[in-house]
Amino acid sequence: MNIAPVLYTISVDGHLGPTLLSAFPAMAVRQEGSRTLLTGLLDQPALFGVLAEVEALGLCLVEVRRS
């Protein structure tokens, strides 16, 4: 099992404001069209934590990409 951190890009629908973005302090953020991309070096537990936060905030998850 590989537990080393990996670069992930998580795409959510819409443009997130400063309040919502504060829930993802370890992620770099950029807007691409109508989506917000969150990019960061995450191990598996951290990835699941970010995805849980996306769900808890009611955001629409579009894509999770491992780089």
N, C-alpha and C. Protein backbone atom coordinates (compact mmCIF):
# COMPACT_ATOMS: atom_id res chain seq x y z
N MET A 1 0.85 -1.19 0.00
CA MET A 1 0.00 0.00 0.00
C MET A 1 0.88 1.24 0.00
N ASN A 2 0.64 2.14 -0.94
CA ASN A 2 1.42 3.37 -1.06
C ASN A 2 0.75 4.47 -0.23
N ILE A 3 1.45 4.94 0.81
CA ILE A 3 0.87 5.98 1.65
C ILE A 3 1.52 7.34 1.44
N ALA A 4 2.43 7.40 0.47
CA ALA A 4 3.10 8.66 0.18
C ALA A 4 2.11 9.66 -0.41
N PRO A 5 2.28 10.95 -0.09
CA PRO A 5 1.41 11.97 -0.67
C PRO A 5 1.54 12.02 -2.20
N VAL A 6 0.42 12.31 -2.83
CA VAL A 6 0.32 12.40 -4.29
C VAL A 6 -0.37 13.71 -4.62
N LEU A 7 -0.05 14.28 -5.78
CA LEU A 7 -0.70 15.51 -6.21
C LEU A 7 -2.08 15.19 -6.77
N TYR A 8 -3.11 15.81 -6.18
CA TYR A 8 -4.49 15.64 -6.63
C TYR A 8 -5.06 16.98 -7.05
N THR A 9 -5.92 16.94 -8.05
CA THR A 9 -6.72 18.09 -8.43
C THR A 9 -8.18 17.70 -8.30
N ILE A 10 -8.90 18.47 -7.51
CA ILE A 10 -10.31 18.20 -7.24
C ILE A 10 -11.10 19.35 -7.85
N SER A 11 -12.02 19.01 -8.73
CA SER A 11 -12.83 20.00 -9.43
C SER A 11 -14.23 20.02 -8.86
N VAL A 12 -14.70 21.22 -8.50
CA VAL A 12 -16.07 21.38 -8.01
C VAL A 12 -16.78 22.41 -8.89
N ASP A 13 -18.08 22.27 -9.00
CA ASP A 13 -18.88 23.17 -9.82
C ASP A 13 -19.03 24.53 -9.12
N GLY A 14 -18.88 25.58 -9.88
CA GLY A 14 -19.09 26.93 -9.37
C GLY A 14 -17.81 27.60 -8.90
N HIS A 15 -17.94 28.89 -8.62
CA HIS A 15 -16.83 29.68 -8.10
C HIS A 15 -17.02 29.80 -6.59
N LEU A 16 -16.01 29.40 -5.84
CA LEU A 16 -16.11 29.43 -4.39
C LEU A 16 -15.56 30.75 -3.86
N GLY A 17 -16.27 31.33 -2.92
CA GLY A 17 -15.84 32.58 -2.30
C GLY A 17 -14.86 32.31 -1.17
N PRO A 18 -14.35 33.37 -0.58
CA PRO A 18 -13.34 33.25 0.47
C PRO A 18 -13.78 32.40 1.67
N THR A 19 -15.05 32.48 2.04
CA THR A 19 -15.52 31.71 3.19
C THR A 19 -15.44 30.21 2.91
N LEU A 20 -15.94 29.77 1.76
CA LEU A 20 -15.87 28.35 1.42
C LEU A 20 -14.43 27.90 1.21
N LEU A 21 -13.62 28.75 0.57
CA LEU A 21 -12.23 28.38 0.33
C LEU A 21 -11.44 28.22 1.63
N SER A 22 -11.87 28.89 2.69
CA SER A 22 -11.16 28.77 3.96
C SER A 22 -11.24 27.35 4.53
N ALA A 23 -12.15 26.53 4.01
CA ALA A 23 -12.26 25.13 4.44
C ALA A 23 -11.16 24.26 3.83
N PHE A 24 -10.39 24.82 2.90
CA PHE A 24 -9.36 24.05 2.20
C PHE A 24 -8.01 24.77 2.26
N PRO A 25 -7.48 25.01 3.47
CA PRO A 25 -6.27 25.83 3.60
C PRO A 25 -5.02 25.23 2.97
N ALA A 26 -4.97 23.91 2.83
CA ALA A 26 -3.78 23.27 2.28
C ALA A 26 -3.81 23.14 0.76
N MET A 27 -4.87 23.64 0.14
CA MET A 27 -5.05 23.47 -1.30
C MET A 27 -4.81 24.78 -2.04
N ALA A 28 -4.14 24.65 -3.20
CA ALA A 28 -4.02 25.79 -4.11
C ALA A 28 -5.32 25.86 -4.90
N VAL A 29 -5.77 27.07 -5.20
CA VAL A 29 -7.07 27.26 -5.84
C VAL A 29 -6.92 28.03 -7.14
N ARG A 30 -7.66 27.60 -8.16
CA ARG A 30 -7.76 28.39 -9.39
C ARG A 30 -9.13 28.16 -10.01
N GLN A 31 -9.59 29.16 -10.72
CA GLN A 31 -10.86 29.09 -11.43
C GLN A 31 -10.59 28.65 -12.86
N GLU A 32 -11.41 27.75 -13.35
CA GLU A 32 -11.31 27.31 -14.74
C GLU A 32 -12.73 27.22 -15.29
N GLY A 33 -13.09 28.23 -16.08
CA GLY A 33 -14.46 28.29 -16.58
C GLY A 33 -15.42 28.45 -15.41
N SER A 34 -16.40 27.59 -15.35
CA SER A 34 -17.40 27.67 -14.29
C SER A 34 -17.05 26.77 -13.09
N ARG A 35 -15.83 26.28 -13.05
CA ARG A 35 -15.41 25.37 -11.98
C ARG A 35 -14.29 25.96 -11.14
N THR A 36 -14.19 25.45 -9.93
CA THR A 36 -13.07 25.76 -9.04
C THR A 36 -12.21 24.52 -8.92
N LEU A 37 -10.91 24.66 -9.12
CA LEU A 37 -9.98 23.55 -9.01
C LEU A 37 -9.16 23.71 -7.74
N LEU A 38 -9.14 22.67 -6.93
CA LEU A 38 -8.37 22.63 -5.70
C LEU A 38 -7.23 21.63 -5.93
N THR A 39 -6.00 22.07 -5.79
CA THR A 39 -4.85 21.22 -6.05
C THR A 39 -3.96 21.15 -4.82
N GLY A 40 -3.53 19.94 -4.49
CA GLY A 40 -2.65 19.80 -3.35
C GLY A 40 -2.01 18.44 -3.26
N LEU A 41 -0.94 18.37 -2.51
CA LEU A 41 -0.22 17.12 -2.24
C LEU A 41 -0.89 16.46 -1.04
N LEU A 42 -1.57 15.34 -1.28
CA LEU A 42 -2.38 14.70 -0.25
C LEU A 42 -2.06 13.21 -0.14
N ASP A 43 -2.00 12.71 1.10
CA ASP A 43 -1.99 11.27 1.28
C ASP A 43 -3.45 10.82 1.28
N GLN A 44 -3.69 9.52 1.36
CA GLN A 44 -5.06 9.03 1.23
C GLN A 44 -6.00 9.55 2.33
N PRO A 45 -5.59 9.55 3.60
CA PRO A 45 -6.49 10.11 4.61
C PRO A 45 -6.81 11.59 4.38
N ALA A 46 -5.83 12.36 3.94
CA ALA A 46 -6.08 13.78 3.67
C ALA A 46 -7.02 13.94 2.48
N LEU A 47 -6.86 13.11 1.46
CA LEU A 47 -7.77 13.15 0.30
C LEU A 47 -9.20 12.88 0.74
N PHE A 48 -9.39 11.85 1.57
CA PHE A 48 -10.73 11.54 2.04
C PHE A 48 -11.28 12.67 2.90
N GLY A 49 -10.41 13.35 3.65
CA GLY A 49 -10.84 14.49 4.45
C GLY A 49 -11.33 15.64 3.58
N VAL A 50 -10.60 15.93 2.50
CA VAL A 50 -11.02 17.00 1.59
C VAL A 50 -12.35 16.63 0.92
N LEU A 51 -12.47 15.38 0.49
CA LEU A 51 -13.72 14.95 -0.14
C LEU A 51 -14.89 15.00 0.84
N ALA A 52 -14.65 14.67 2.10
CA ALA A 52 -15.70 14.77 3.11
C ALA A 52 -16.11 16.22 3.32
N GLU A 53 -15.15 17.13 3.27
CA GLU A 53 -15.46 18.56 3.42
C GLU A 53 -16.27 19.06 2.22
N VAL A 54 -15.92 18.61 1.02
CA VAL A 54 -16.70 18.96 -0.18
C VAL A 54 -18.15 18.52 0.00
N GLU A 55 -18.33 17.29 0.48
CA GLU A 55 -19.69 16.78 0.70
C GLU A 55 -20.42 17.56 1.80
N ALA A 56 -19.73 17.81 2.90
CA ALA A 56 -20.35 18.51 4.03
C ALA A 56 -20.79 19.92 3.66
N LEU A 57 -20.06 20.55 2.75
CA LEU A 57 -20.41 21.90 2.32
C LEU A 57 -21.46 21.91 1.21
N GLY A 58 -21.86 20.73 0.76
CA GLY A 58 -22.88 20.63 -0.29
C GLY A 58 -22.39 21.05 -1.66
N LEU A 59 -21.08 20.94 -1.88
CA LEU A 59 -20.52 21.31 -3.19
C LEU A 59 -20.73 20.17 -4.17
N CYS A 60 -20.82 20.51 -5.44
CA CYS A 60 -21.01 19.52 -6.49
C CYS A 60 -19.63 19.08 -7.00
N LEU A 61 -19.23 17.86 -6.65
CA LEU A 61 -17.95 17.30 -7.08
C LEU A 61 -18.04 16.93 -8.54
N VAL A 62 -17.10 17.43 -9.34
CA VAL A 62 -17.09 17.14 -10.77
C VAL A 62 -16.05 16.08 -11.10
N GLU A 63 -14.86 16.21 -10.51
CA GLU A 63 -13.77 15.30 -10.88
C GLU A 63 -12.69 15.29 -9.80
N VAL A 64 -12.09 14.11 -9.63
CA VAL A 64 -10.88 13.97 -8.81
C VAL A 64 -9.82 13.39 -9.73
N ARG A 65 -8.71 14.11 -9.87
CA ARG A 65 -7.65 13.68 -10.79
C ARG A 65 -6.35 13.53 -10.01
N ARG A 66 -5.72 12.38 -10.18
CA ARG A 66 -4.41 12.12 -9.59
C ARG A 66 -3.35 12.43 -10.63
N SER A 67 -2.39 13.28 -10.25
CA SER A 67 -1.35 13.68 -11.22
C SER A 67 -0.10 12.85 -11.04
